[in-house]
Amino acid sequence: MSIETTTPSDGPSGALLVVSAHAGDFVWRAAGAIALAAERGERAKVVCLSFGERGESARAWREGKGLDEIKALRRAEAEAAAAELGAGIEFLDAGDYPLRETPELVDRLVRVYREFEPTVVLTHTLADPYNGDHPAAARMALQARVLAQAIGYDAPGEPLGAPPVFLFEPHQPEQCDFRPDVLLDITPVFERKRKAMECLPAQQHMWEYYTDLARRRGVQLKRNAGPNLGLPHTTMAEAYVRVYPQTTAVLA
């Protein structure tokens, strides 16, 4: 298991792209990574494939709100959260429950890749028996990455390089075959993550869950880092699975 530290680079050069099935997913699962990238002066962008209007807005439906009103509500929440983290955000409004995989939606993602030129990509796990939208988003994110690399693919921009892809932690990791091999120290930016979470009152029940999860992952990060790193008792972390092999000249 590797442990990513938060030491800033010599200068801003990265570009972090997050492909999120619904408007809130990126906040719970990757807000720390986004805030860290922004604090390093790197570009960060979130693409929300849907607003989560049907399957992840139960409170709004119970309050009697209509579909368009719920979409506007979730959009405003996600925009506020992204602003708190220092990221741009784009909504493709593809619908949820179900999020349908289509060539047209994959093509839209290819164009995002080509335009934004990410150096790192974050998205969902490829298995989630509780929410089919999440693996659908992951499959499309991975397919679009491959197509964006093809010089002959008909889309504006230059062919994409080979940005590493990391899958962020699902809500029920054991049932999703999630075995993290990267622990990211988000201690310096956790308060920003918490503020971003609080921008989503439609899913207020998630605030404490993901605060507790960050604390538990922080304990694991310290355990794997060893005592010599001098990490604080209140270390907070996010967990990821790397899709493609790390390329390196030194094993560390």
C-alpha atoms as a PDB file:
ATOM      1  CA  MET A   1       0.000   0.000   0.000  1.00  0.00           C
ATOM      2  CA  SER A   2       1.424   3.364  -0.971  1.00  0.00           C
ATOM      3  CA  ILE A   3       0.964   6.543   1.014  1.00  0.00           C
ATOM      4  CA  GLU A   4       0.760   9.815  -0.851  1.00  0.00           C
ATOM      5  CA  THR A   5       2.133  12.720   1.148  1.00  0.00           C
ATOM      6  CA  THR A   6       0.984  16.308   0.818  1.00  0.00           C
ATOM      7  CA  THR A   7       4.371  17.904   0.220  1.00  0.00           C
ATOM      8  CA  PRO A   8       3.904  20.583  -2.448  1.00  0.00           C
ATOM      9  CA  SER A   9       5.684  20.253  -5.784  1.00  0.00           C
ATOM     10  CA  ASP A  10       8.168  22.772  -7.181  1.00  0.00           C
ATOM     11  CA  GLY A  11       5.448  24.474  -9.166  1.00  0.00           C
ATOM     12  CA  PRO A  12       1.908  24.019 -10.450  1.00  0.00           C
ATOM     13  CA  SER A  13       1.864  21.607 -13.347  1.00  0.00           C
ATOM     14  CA  GLY A  14      -0.879  19.089 -12.635  1.00  0.00           C
ATOM     15  CA  ALA A  15      -4.502  18.935 -13.651  1.00  0.00           C
ATOM     16  CA  LEU A  16      -6.937  16.821 -11.630  1.00  0.00           C
ATOM     17  CA  LEU A  17     -10.136  15.588 -13.295  1.00  0.00           C
ATOM     18  CA  VAL A  18     -12.899  13.977 -11.250  1.00  0.00           C
ATOM     19  CA  VAL A  19     -15.685  12.086 -13.041  1.00  0.00           C
ATOM     20  CA  SER A  20     -18.635  11.928 -10.650  1.00  0.00           C
ATOM     21  CA  ALA A  21     -21.886  10.066 -11.320  1.00  0.00           C
ATOM     22  CA  HIS A  22     -23.966  12.414  -9.180  1.00  0.00           C
ATOM     23  CA  ALA A  23     -23.646  15.935  -7.871  1.00  0.00           C
ATOM     24  CA  GLY A  24     -22.528  14.937  -4.379  1.00  0.00           C
ATOM     25  CA  ASP A  25     -20.257  11.975  -5.008  1.00  0.00           C
ATOM     26  CA  PHE A  26     -17.067  13.949  -5.539  1.00  0.00           C
ATOM     27  CA  VAL A  27     -17.487  15.720  -2.223  1.00  0.00           C
ATOM     28  CA  TRP A  28     -17.764  12.666   0.012  1.00  0.00           C
ATOM     29  CA  ARG A  29     -15.114  10.629  -1.730  1.00  0.00           C
ATOM     30  CA  ALA A  30     -12.513  12.948  -3.264  1.00  0.00           C
ATOM     31  CA  ALA A  31     -12.846  16.430  -1.779  1.00  0.00           C
ATOM     32  CA  GLY A  32      -9.535  16.106   0.049  1.00  0.00           C
ATOM     33  CA  ALA A  33      -7.643  15.254  -3.132  1.00  0.00           C
ATOM     34  CA  ILE A  34      -9.323  18.156  -4.924  1.00  0.00           C
ATOM     35  CA  ALA A  35      -8.486  20.653  -2.188  1.00  0.00           C
ATOM     36  CA  LEU A  36      -4.867  19.476  -2.050  1.00  0.00           C
ATOM     37  CA  ALA A  37      -4.492  19.947  -5.807  1.00  0.00           C
ATOM     38  CA  ALA A  38      -6.000  23.428  -5.612  1.00  0.00           C
ATOM     39  CA  GLU A  39      -3.717  24.427  -2.742  1.00  0.00           C
ATOM     40  CA  ARG A  40      -0.709  23.355  -4.828  1.00  0.00           C
ATOM     41  CA  GLY A  41      -1.889  25.758  -7.502  1.00  0.00           C
ATOM     42  CA  GLU A  42      -2.945  22.977  -9.860  1.00  0.00           C
ATOM     43  CA  ARG A  43      -6.082  22.973 -11.969  1.00  0.00           C
ATOM     44  CA  ALA A  44      -8.966  20.868 -10.696  1.00  0.00           C
ATOM     45  CA  LYS A  45     -12.221  20.089 -12.458  1.00  0.00           C
ATOM     46  CA  VAL A  46     -15.261  18.008 -11.581  1.00  0.00           C
ATOM     47  CA  VAL A  47     -17.581  16.563 -14.224  1.00  0.00           C
ATOM     48  CA  CYS A  48     -20.951  15.553 -12.802  1.00  0.00           C
ATOM     49  CA  LEU A  49     -22.720  13.199 -15.170  1.00  0.00           C
ATOM     50  CA  SER A  50     -26.030  13.824 -13.397  1.00  0.00           C
ATOM     51  CA  PHE A  51     -27.442  15.936 -10.603  1.00  0.00           C
ATOM     52  CA  GLY A  52     -28.465  12.874  -8.587  1.00  0.00           C
ATOM     53  CA  GLU A  53     -31.961  14.248  -8.878  1.00  0.00           C
ATOM     54  CA  ARG A  54     -33.884  10.969  -8.748  1.00  0.00           C
ATOM     55  CA  GLY A  55     -31.870   8.600  -6.598  1.00  0.00           C
ATOM     56  CA  GLU A  56     -29.893  10.833  -4.231  1.00  0.00           C
ATOM     57  CA  SER A  57     -32.312  13.623  -3.355  1.00  0.00           C
ATOM     58  CA  ALA A  58     -34.837  11.830  -1.160  1.00  0.00           C
ATOM     59  CA  ARG A  59     -35.194  14.732   1.256  1.00  0.00           C
ATOM     60  CA  ALA A  60     -36.158  17.133  -1.531  1.00  0.00           C
ATOM     61  CA  TRP A  61     -38.735  14.715  -2.941  1.00  0.00           C
ATOM     62  CA  ARG A  62     -40.275  14.262   0.515  1.00  0.00           C
ATOM     63  CA  GLU A  63     -40.526  18.037   0.793  1.00  0.00           C
ATOM     64  CA  GLY A  64     -42.678  18.037  -2.342  1.00  0.00           C
ATOM     65  CA  LYS A  65     -40.199  19.638  -4.732  1.00  0.00           C
ATOM     66  CA  GLY A  66     -40.471  18.994  -8.472  1.00  0.00           C
ATOM     67  CA  LEU A  67     -37.815  17.585 -10.791  1.00  0.00           C
ATOM     68  CA  ASP A  68     -36.569  20.872 -12.198  1.00  0.00           C
ATOM     69  CA  GLU A  69     -36.468  22.424  -8.736  1.00  0.00           C
ATOM     70  CA  ILE A  70     -34.477  19.478  -7.401  1.00  0.00           C
ATOM     71  CA  LYS A  71     -31.997  19.692 -10.266  1.00  0.00           C
ATOM     72  CA  ALA A  72     -31.472  23.385  -9.581  1.00  0.00           C
ATOM     73  CA  LEU A  73     -31.047  22.680  -5.871  1.00  0.00           C
ATOM     74  CA  ARG A  74     -28.447  19.956  -6.406  1.00  0.00           C
ATOM     75  CA  ARG A  75     -26.620  22.062  -8.973  1.00  0.00           C
ATOM     76  CA  ALA A  76     -26.354  24.973  -6.548  1.00  0.00           C
ATOM     77  CA  GLU A  77     -25.106  22.675  -3.777  1.00  0.00           C
ATOM     78  CA  ALA A  78     -22.447  21.084  -5.990  1.00  0.00           C
ATOM     79  CA  GLU A  79     -21.297  24.454  -7.334  1.00  0.00           C
ATOM     80  CA  ALA A  80     -20.901  25.768  -3.783  1.00  0.00           C
ATOM     81  CA  ALA A  81     -18.936  22.672  -2.756  1.00  0.00           C
ATOM     82  CA  ALA A  82     -16.638  22.876  -5.784  1.00  0.00           C
ATOM     83  CA  ALA A  83     -15.994  26.564  -5.105  1.00  0.00           C
ATOM     84  CA  GLU A  84     -15.111  25.741  -1.498  1.00  0.00           C
ATOM     85  CA  LEU A  85     -12.547  23.226  -2.760  1.00  0.00           C
ATOM     86  CA  GLY A  86     -11.135  25.482  -5.477  1.00  0.00           C
ATOM     87  CA  ALA A  87     -12.355  23.412  -8.433  1.00  0.00           C
ATOM     88  CA  GLY A  88     -14.283  24.113 -11.588  1.00  0.00           C
ATOM     89  CA  ILE A  89     -17.388  22.053 -12.248  1.00  0.00           C
ATOM     90  CA  GLU A  90     -19.373  20.969 -15.299  1.00  0.00           C
ATOM     91  CA  PHE A  91     -22.743  19.216 -15.411  1.00  0.00           C
ATOM     92  CA  LEU A  92     -23.657  16.907 -18.283  1.00  0.00           C
ATOM     93  CA  ASP A  93     -27.251  16.378 -17.033  1.00  0.00           C
ATOM     94  CA  ALA A  94     -27.382  12.792 -18.324  1.00  0.00           C
ATOM     95  CA  GLY A  95     -29.975  11.658 -15.793  1.00  0.00           C
ATOM     96  CA  ASP A  96     -29.656   9.173 -12.944  1.00  0.00           C
ATOM     97  CA  TYR A  97     -31.328   5.995 -11.668  1.00  0.00           C
ATOM     98  CA  PRO A  98     -30.406   4.813 -14.160  1.00  0.00           C
ATOM     99  CA  LEU A  99     -27.366   6.601 -15.547  1.00  0.00           C
ATOM    100  CA  ARG A 100     -27.339   5.146 -19.053  1.00  0.00           C
ATOM    101  CA  GLU A 101     -24.081   4.397 -20.822  1.00  0.00           C
ATOM    102  CA  THR A 102     -24.270   5.787 -24.347  1.00  0.00           C
ATOM    103  CA  PRO A 103     -21.737   6.510 -27.102  1.00  0.00           C
ATOM    104  CA  GLU A 104     -22.853  10.129 -26.999  1.00  0.00           C
ATOM    105  CA  LEU A 105     -22.064  10.493 -23.299  1.00  0.00           C
ATOM    106  CA  VAL A 106     -18.691   8.786 -23.715  1.00  0.00           C
ATOM    107  CA  ASP A 107     -17.929  11.167 -26.575  1.00  0.00           C
ATOM    108  CA  ARG A 108     -18.729  14.145 -24.359  1.00  0.00           C
ATOM    109  CA  LEU A 109     -16.246  12.821 -21.817  1.00  0.00           C
ATOM    110  CA  VAL A 110     -13.616  12.331 -24.509  1.00  0.00           C
ATOM    111  CA  ARG A 111     -13.978  16.000 -25.380  1.00  0.00           C
ATOM    112  CA  VAL A 112     -13.591  16.943 -21.711  1.00  0.00           C
ATOM    113  CA  TYR A 113     -10.369  14.911 -21.540  1.00  0.00           C
ATOM    114  CA  ARG A 114      -8.995  16.480 -24.697  1.00  0.00           C
ATOM    115  CA  GLU A 115      -9.835  20.006 -23.588  1.00  0.00           C
ATOM    116  CA  PHE A 116      -8.769  19.748 -19.942  1.00  0.00           C
ATOM    117  CA  GLU A 117      -5.740  17.457 -20.464  1.00  0.00           C
ATOM    118  CA  PRO A 118      -5.764  15.876 -16.981  1.00  0.00           C
ATOM    119  CA  THR A 119      -2.609  14.516 -15.417  1.00  0.00           C
ATOM    120  CA  VAL A 120      -4.643  12.556 -12.827  1.00  0.00           C
ATOM    121  CA  VAL A 121      -8.186  11.171 -13.035  1.00  0.00           C
ATOM    122  CA  LEU A 122     -10.438  10.139 -10.139  1.00  0.00           C
ATOM    123  CA  THR A 123     -13.698   8.227 -10.487  1.00  0.00           C
ATOM    124  CA  HIS A 124     -15.891   5.504  -8.987  1.00  0.00           C
ATOM    125  CA  THR A 125     -15.222   1.821  -8.447  1.00  0.00           C
ATOM    126  CA  LEU A 126     -16.148  -0.667 -11.146  1.00  0.00           C
ATOM    127  CA  ALA A 127     -18.344  -2.658  -8.757  1.00  0.00           C
ATOM    128  CA  ASP A 128     -21.207  -1.381  -6.614  1.00  0.00           C
ATOM    129  CA  PRO A 129     -24.226  -3.646  -6.071  1.00  0.00           C
ATOM    130  CA  TYR A 130     -26.047  -0.815  -4.324  1.00  0.00           C
ATOM    131  CA  ASN A 131     -25.803   1.796  -7.065  1.00  0.00           C
ATOM    132  CA  GLY A 132     -25.377   0.893 -10.725  1.00  0.00           C
ATOM    133  CA  ASP A 133     -24.793   4.530 -11.653  1.00  0.00           C
ATOM    134  CA  HIS A 134     -21.385   4.470  -9.973  1.00  0.00           C
ATOM    135  CA  PRO A 135     -19.777   1.641 -11.992  1.00  0.00           C
ATOM    136  CA  ALA A 136     -21.480   3.007 -15.124  1.00  0.00           C
ATOM    137  CA  ALA A 137     -19.689   6.310 -14.564  1.00  0.00           C
ATOM    138  CA  ALA A 138     -16.390   4.498 -13.985  1.00  0.00           C
ATOM    139  CA  ARG A 139     -16.721   2.421 -17.146  1.00  0.00           C
ATOM    140  CA  MET A 140     -17.427   5.512 -19.226  1.00  0.00           C
ATOM    141  CA  ALA A 141     -14.571   7.439 -17.614  1.00  0.00           C
ATOM    142  CA  LEU A 142     -12.139   4.647 -18.451  1.00  0.00           C
ATOM    143  CA  GLN A 143     -13.462   4.155 -21.973  1.00  0.00           C
ATOM    144  CA  ALA A 144     -13.262   7.879 -22.674  1.00  0.00           C
ATOM    145  CA  ARG A 145      -9.667   7.972 -21.437  1.00  0.00           C
ATOM    146  CA  VAL A 146      -8.695   5.265 -23.923  1.00  0.00           C
ATOM    147  CA  LEU A 147     -10.523   6.922 -26.813  1.00  0.00           C
ATOM    148  CA  ALA A 148      -9.049  10.322 -25.972  1.00  0.00           C
ATOM    149  CA  GLN A 149      -5.597   8.772 -26.399  1.00  0.00           C
ATOM    150  CA  ALA A 150      -6.341   7.609 -29.949  1.00  0.00           C
ATOM    151  CA  ILE A 151      -4.879   9.979 -32.522  1.00  0.00           C
ATOM    152  CA  GLY A 152      -7.575   9.016 -34.983  1.00  0.00           C
ATOM    153  CA  TYR A 153     -10.537   9.681 -32.695  1.00  0.00           C
ATOM    154  CA  ASP A 154     -12.663  12.485 -34.112  1.00  0.00           C
ATOM    155  CA  ALA A 155     -12.592  15.085 -31.357  1.00  0.00           C
ATOM    156  CA  PRO A 156     -10.909  18.485 -31.016  1.00  0.00           C
ATOM    157  CA  GLY A 157      -7.540  18.738 -29.321  1.00  0.00           C
ATOM    158  CA  GLU A 158      -4.417  16.652 -29.149  1.00  0.00           C
ATOM    159  CA  PRO A 159      -4.403  12.971 -28.163  1.00  0.00           C
ATOM    160  CA  LEU A 160      -4.377  12.483 -24.409  1.00  0.00           C
ATOM    161  CA  GLY A 161      -1.292  11.160 -22.643  1.00  0.00           C
ATOM    162  CA  ALA A 162      -1.641   8.427 -20.023  1.00  0.00           C
ATOM    163  CA  PRO A 163      -2.939  10.014 -16.813  1.00  0.00           C
ATOM    164  CA  PRO A 164      -3.135   7.584 -13.887  1.00  0.00           C
ATOM    165  CA  VAL A 165      -6.655   6.738 -12.768  1.00  0.00           C
ATOM    166  CA  PHE A 166      -7.602   6.275  -9.129  1.00  0.00           C
ATOM    167  CA  LEU A 167     -10.910   4.840  -7.936  1.00  0.00           C
ATOM    168  CA  PHE A 168     -12.247   6.543  -4.835  1.00  0.00           C
ATOM    169  CA  GLU A 169     -13.878   4.785  -1.914  1.00  0.00           C
ATOM    170  CA  PRO A 170     -17.515   3.676  -2.266  1.00  0.00           C
ATOM    171  CA  HIS A 171     -20.041   3.985   0.522  1.00  0.00           C
ATOM    172  CA  GLN A 172     -19.997   0.236   1.264  1.00  0.00           C
ATOM    173  CA  PRO A 173     -16.427  -0.796   0.416  1.00  0.00           C
ATOM    174  CA  GLU A 174     -16.598  -4.446   1.484  1.00  0.00           C
ATOM    175  CA  GLN A 175     -19.480  -5.167  -0.887  1.00  0.00           C
ATOM    176  CA  CYS A 176     -17.726  -3.335  -3.734  1.00  0.00           C
ATOM    177  CA  ASP A 177     -14.479  -5.336  -3.630  1.00  0.00           C
ATOM    178  CA  PHE A 178     -12.654  -2.164  -2.623  1.00  0.00           C
ATOM    179  CA  ARG A 179      -9.150  -2.881  -1.357  1.00  0.00           C
ATOM    180  CA  PRO A 180      -7.259   0.430  -1.187  1.00  0.00           C
ATOM    181  CA  ASP A 181      -3.635   0.535  -2.224  1.00  0.00           C
ATOM    182  CA  VAL A 182      -3.223   4.299  -1.837  1.00  0.00           C
ATOM    183  CA  LEU A 183      -3.861   6.336   1.309  1.00  0.00           C
ATOM    184  CA  LEU A 184      -3.846  10.086   0.773  1.00  0.00           C
ATOM    185  CA  ASP A 185      -3.067  12.388   3.710  1.00  0.00           C
ATOM    186  CA  ILE A 186      -5.710  15.126   3.617  1.00  0.00           C
ATOM    187  CA  THR A 187      -5.090  16.480   7.121  1.00  0.00           C
ATOM    188  CA  PRO A 188      -4.091  20.002   5.978  1.00  0.00           C
ATOM    189  CA  VAL A 189      -7.293  20.420   3.963  1.00  0.00           C
ATOM    190  CA  PHE A 190      -9.813  18.399   5.919  1.00  0.00           C
ATOM    191  CA  GLU A 191     -11.616  21.489   7.182  1.00  0.00           C
ATOM    192  CA  ARG A 192     -12.180  22.516   3.572  1.00  0.00           C
ATOM    193  CA  LYS A 193     -13.592  19.068   2.854  1.00  0.00           C
ATOM    194  CA  ARG A 194     -15.909  19.363   5.836  1.00  0.00           C
ATOM    195  CA  LYS A 195     -17.106  22.789   4.661  1.00  0.00           C
ATOM    196  CA  ALA A 196     -17.708  21.363   1.199  1.00  0.00           C
ATOM    197  CA  MET A 197     -19.741  18.525   2.703  1.00  0.00           C
ATOM    198  CA  GLU A 198     -21.821  21.066   4.575  1.00  0.00           C
ATOM    199  CA  CYS A 199     -22.694  22.665   1.242  1.00  0.00           C
ATOM    200  CA  LEU A 200     -24.869  19.568   0.592  1.00  0.00           C
ATOM    201  CA  PRO A 201     -27.731  19.694   3.117  1.00  0.00           C
ATOM    202  CA  ALA A 202     -29.776  17.423   0.829  1.00  0.00           C
ATOM    203  CA  GLN A 203     -27.525  14.611   2.085  1.00  0.00           C
ATOM    204  CA  GLN A 204     -26.798  15.830   5.587  1.00  0.00           C
ATOM    205  CA  HIS A 205     -26.792  12.261   6.890  1.00  0.00           C
ATOM    206  CA  MET A 206     -23.471  11.761   5.081  1.00  0.00           C
ATOM    207  CA  TRP A 207     -21.503  14.475   6.899  1.00  0.00           C
ATOM    208  CA  GLU A 208     -20.568  12.508   9.995  1.00  0.00           C
ATOM    209  CA  TYR A 209     -20.147   9.233   8.122  1.00  0.00           C
ATOM    210  CA  TYR A 210     -17.417  10.662   5.883  1.00  0.00           C
ATOM    211  CA  THR A 211     -15.808  12.566   8.730  1.00  0.00           C
ATOM    212  CA  ASP A 212     -15.512   9.299  10.659  1.00  0.00           C
ATOM    213  CA  LEU A 213     -14.259   7.491   7.563  1.00  0.00           C
ATOM    214  CA  ALA A 214     -11.499  10.067   7.040  1.00  0.00           C
ATOM    215  CA  ARG A 215     -10.453   9.582  10.651  1.00  0.00           C
ATOM    216  CA  ARG A 216     -10.323   5.778  10.283  1.00  0.00           C
ATOM    217  CA  ARG A 217      -8.355   5.990   7.060  1.00  0.00           C
ATOM    218  CA  GLY A 218      -6.020   8.416   8.823  1.00  0.00           C
ATOM    219  CA  VAL A 219      -5.324   5.796  11.486  1.00  0.00           C
ATOM    220  CA  GLN A 220      -4.483   3.315   8.735  1.00  0.00           C
ATOM    221  CA  LEU A 221      -2.239   5.832   7.010  1.00  0.00           C
ATOM    222  CA  LYS A 222      -0.240   6.365  10.204  1.00  0.00           C
ATOM    223  CA  ARG A 223      -0.022   2.622  10.753  1.00  0.00           C
ATOM    224  CA  ASN A 224       1.373   2.055   7.260  1.00  0.00           C
ATOM    225  CA  ALA A 225       3.657   5.088   7.317  1.00  0.00           C
ATOM    226  CA  GLY A 226       5.397   4.044  10.514  1.00  0.00           C
ATOM    227  CA  PRO A 227       6.408   6.176  13.496  1.00  0.00           C
ATOM    228  CA  ASN A 228       9.301   7.986  11.826  1.00  0.00           C
ATOM    229  CA  LEU A 229       7.058  10.137   9.658  1.00  0.00           C
ATOM    230  CA  GLY A 230       5.824  12.027  12.719  1.00  0.00           C
ATOM    231  CA  LEU A 231       2.199  12.273  11.608  1.00  0.00           C
ATOM    232  CA  PRO A 232      -0.213  13.997  13.991  1.00  0.00           C
ATOM    233  CA  HIS A 233      -2.671  12.061  16.099  1.00  0.00           C
ATOM    234  CA  THR A 234      -5.542  13.643  14.171  1.00  0.00           C
ATOM    235  CA  THR A 235      -4.378  12.512  10.722  1.00  0.00           C
ATOM    236  CA  MET A 236      -7.223  12.387   8.182  1.00  0.00           C
ATOM    237  CA  ALA A 237      -7.045  10.455   4.918  1.00  0.00           C
ATOM    238  CA  GLU A 238      -8.850   9.299   1.796  1.00  0.00           C
ATOM    239  CA  ALA A 239      -8.434   5.838   0.260  1.00  0.00           C
ATOM    240  CA  TYR A 240      -8.006   4.991  -3.417  1.00  0.00           C
ATOM    241  CA  VAL A 241      -7.316   2.076  -5.744  1.00  0.00           C
ATOM    242  CA  ARG A 242      -4.928   2.663  -8.619  1.00  0.00           C
ATOM    243  CA  VAL A 243      -6.141   1.229 -11.948  1.00  0.00           C
ATOM    244  CA  TYR A 244      -2.941   1.234 -14.003  1.00  0.00           C
ATOM    245  CA  PRO A 245       0.579   0.269 -12.868  1.00  0.00           C
ATOM    246  CA  GLN A 246       2.806   2.940 -11.404  1.00  0.00           C
ATOM    247  CA  THR A 247       5.843   3.574 -13.589  1.00  0.00           C
ATOM    248  CA  THR A 248       9.032   4.242 -11.667  1.00  0.00           C
ATOM    249  CA  ALA A 249      12.800   3.800 -11.722  1.00  0.00           C
ATOM    250  CA  VAL A 250      12.961   3.404  -7.941  1.00  0.00           C
ATOM    251  CA  LEU A 251      10.912   1.116  -5.733  1.00  0.00           C
ATOM    252  CA  ALA A 252       9.598   3.028  -2.759  1.00  0.00           C
END
